[in-house]
Amino acid sequence: MVTNLNLTDMETCYKVFRRDRIDQIEIKEDRFGFEPEITAKISRLQPRPRFFEVGVSYYGWTYAEGKKITWRDGLRAIYCIIRYGAFQ
């Protein structure tokens, strides 16, 4: 909503960019804040880039297998969506 993009799943960790476009932005976040930050910042570049979604299949890990995401990561992602999407 905050970037005016219609994306189904931003948090996949699969993204491809042209080098000249990615060189135009400064990334500050790490961990799960990276996804909303880079999506919001790329969406504001001029001329506005085209976004394409491609289906991705994956097998999610369980916590026993090494999954490391917690509810805190979800809160940080929401914070980053608001910070980089609405206030920049």
Protein backbone atom coordinates (compact mmCIF):
# COMPACT_ATOMS: atom_id res chain seq x y z
CA MET A 1 0.00 0.00 0.00
CA VAL A 2 2.68 2.52 0.93
CA THR A 3 4.63 2.06 -2.33
CA ASN A 4 1.58 1.83 -4.62
CA LEU A 5 2.80 -1.56 -5.84
CA ASN A 6 0.67 -4.65 -6.17
CA LEU A 7 3.02 -7.34 -4.87
CA THR A 8 1.88 -10.70 -3.58
CA ASP A 9 4.94 -11.64 -1.52
CA MET A 10 7.78 -9.20 -1.00
CA GLU A 11 9.63 -11.25 1.64
CA THR A 12 10.95 -14.03 -0.62
CA CYS A 13 14.63 -12.95 -0.68
CA TYR A 14 14.63 -13.44 -4.46
CA LYS A 15 15.11 -10.15 -6.27
CA VAL A 16 16.93 -9.12 -9.44
CA PHE A 17 17.91 -5.55 -10.29
CA ARG A 18 19.86 -3.80 -12.98
CA ARG A 19 23.20 -2.69 -11.56
CA ASP A 20 22.76 0.96 -12.54
CA ARG A 21 19.49 1.13 -10.60
CA ILE A 22 20.71 -0.54 -7.43
CA ASP A 23 23.77 1.74 -7.38
CA GLN A 24 21.42 4.73 -7.01
CA ILE A 25 20.25 3.80 -3.51
CA GLU A 26 21.86 3.35 -0.11
CA ILE A 27 20.82 0.29 1.89
CA LYS A 28 20.79 0.68 5.69
CA GLU A 29 18.92 -2.39 6.92
CA ASP A 30 20.00 -5.96 7.37
CA ARG A 31 18.03 -9.06 8.28
CA PHE A 32 14.32 -8.83 7.44
CA GLY A 33 14.26 -5.06 7.18
CA PHE A 34 16.18 -5.32 3.91
CA GLU A 35 13.19 -6.49 1.86
CA PRO A 36 10.80 -3.60 2.57
CA GLU A 37 13.62 -1.04 2.42
CA ILE A 38 14.91 -2.05 -0.99
CA THR A 39 11.42 -2.48 -2.43
CA ALA A 40 10.34 0.99 -1.27
CA LYS A 41 13.53 2.72 -2.39
CA ILE A 42 13.61 1.08 -5.82
CA SER A 43 9.92 1.94 -6.36
CA ARG A 44 10.70 5.67 -5.94
CA LEU A 45 13.46 5.86 -8.56
CA GLN A 46 12.80 7.95 -11.65
CA PRO A 47 11.97 6.91 -14.26
CA ARG A 48 9.87 4.45 -12.30
CA PRO A 49 11.08 0.89 -12.86
CA ARG A 50 8.82 -1.91 -14.03
CA PHE A 51 8.19 -4.70 -11.55
CA PHE A 52 7.56 -8.29 -12.60
CA GLU A 53 6.59 -11.13 -10.29
CA VAL A 54 7.69 -14.64 -11.04
CA GLY A 55 6.38 -17.69 -9.21
CA VAL A 56 8.77 -19.12 -6.64
CA SER A 57 8.45 -22.50 -4.98
CA TYR A 58 10.27 -23.37 -1.81
CA TYR A 59 10.20 -25.72 1.12
CA GLY A 60 10.07 -23.77 4.37
CA TRP A 61 12.22 -24.86 7.27
CA THR A 62 10.90 -25.76 10.67
CA TYR A 63 12.51 -24.36 13.81
CA ALA A 64 14.09 -27.78 14.38
CA GLU A 65 15.71 -27.56 10.93
CA GLY A 66 17.19 -24.14 11.63
CA LYS A 67 14.49 -21.57 10.92
CA LYS A 68 15.56 -18.38 12.66
CA ILE A 69 12.71 -15.90 12.11
CA THR A 70 10.73 -14.82 15.16
CA TRP A 71 7.84 -12.46 15.86
CA ARG A 72 10.40 -9.69 16.44
CA ASP A 73 11.48 -9.99 12.80
CA GLY A 74 7.85 -9.51 11.77
CA LEU A 75 7.58 -6.35 13.85
CA ARG A 76 10.82 -5.03 12.36
CA ALA A 77 9.53 -5.70 8.84
CA ILE A 78 6.32 -3.75 9.57
CA TYR A 79 8.37 -0.90 11.03
CA CYS A 80 10.55 -0.83 7.89
CA ILE A 81 7.53 -0.87 5.57
CA ILE A 82 6.21 2.22 7.31
CA ARG A 83 9.59 3.94 7.67
CA TYR A 84 10.86 3.48 4.11
CA GLY A 85 7.53 3.39 2.33
CA ALA A 86 5.56 6.21 3.84
CA PHE A 87 8.10 8.65 5.28
CA GLN A 88 10.76 9.01 2.61
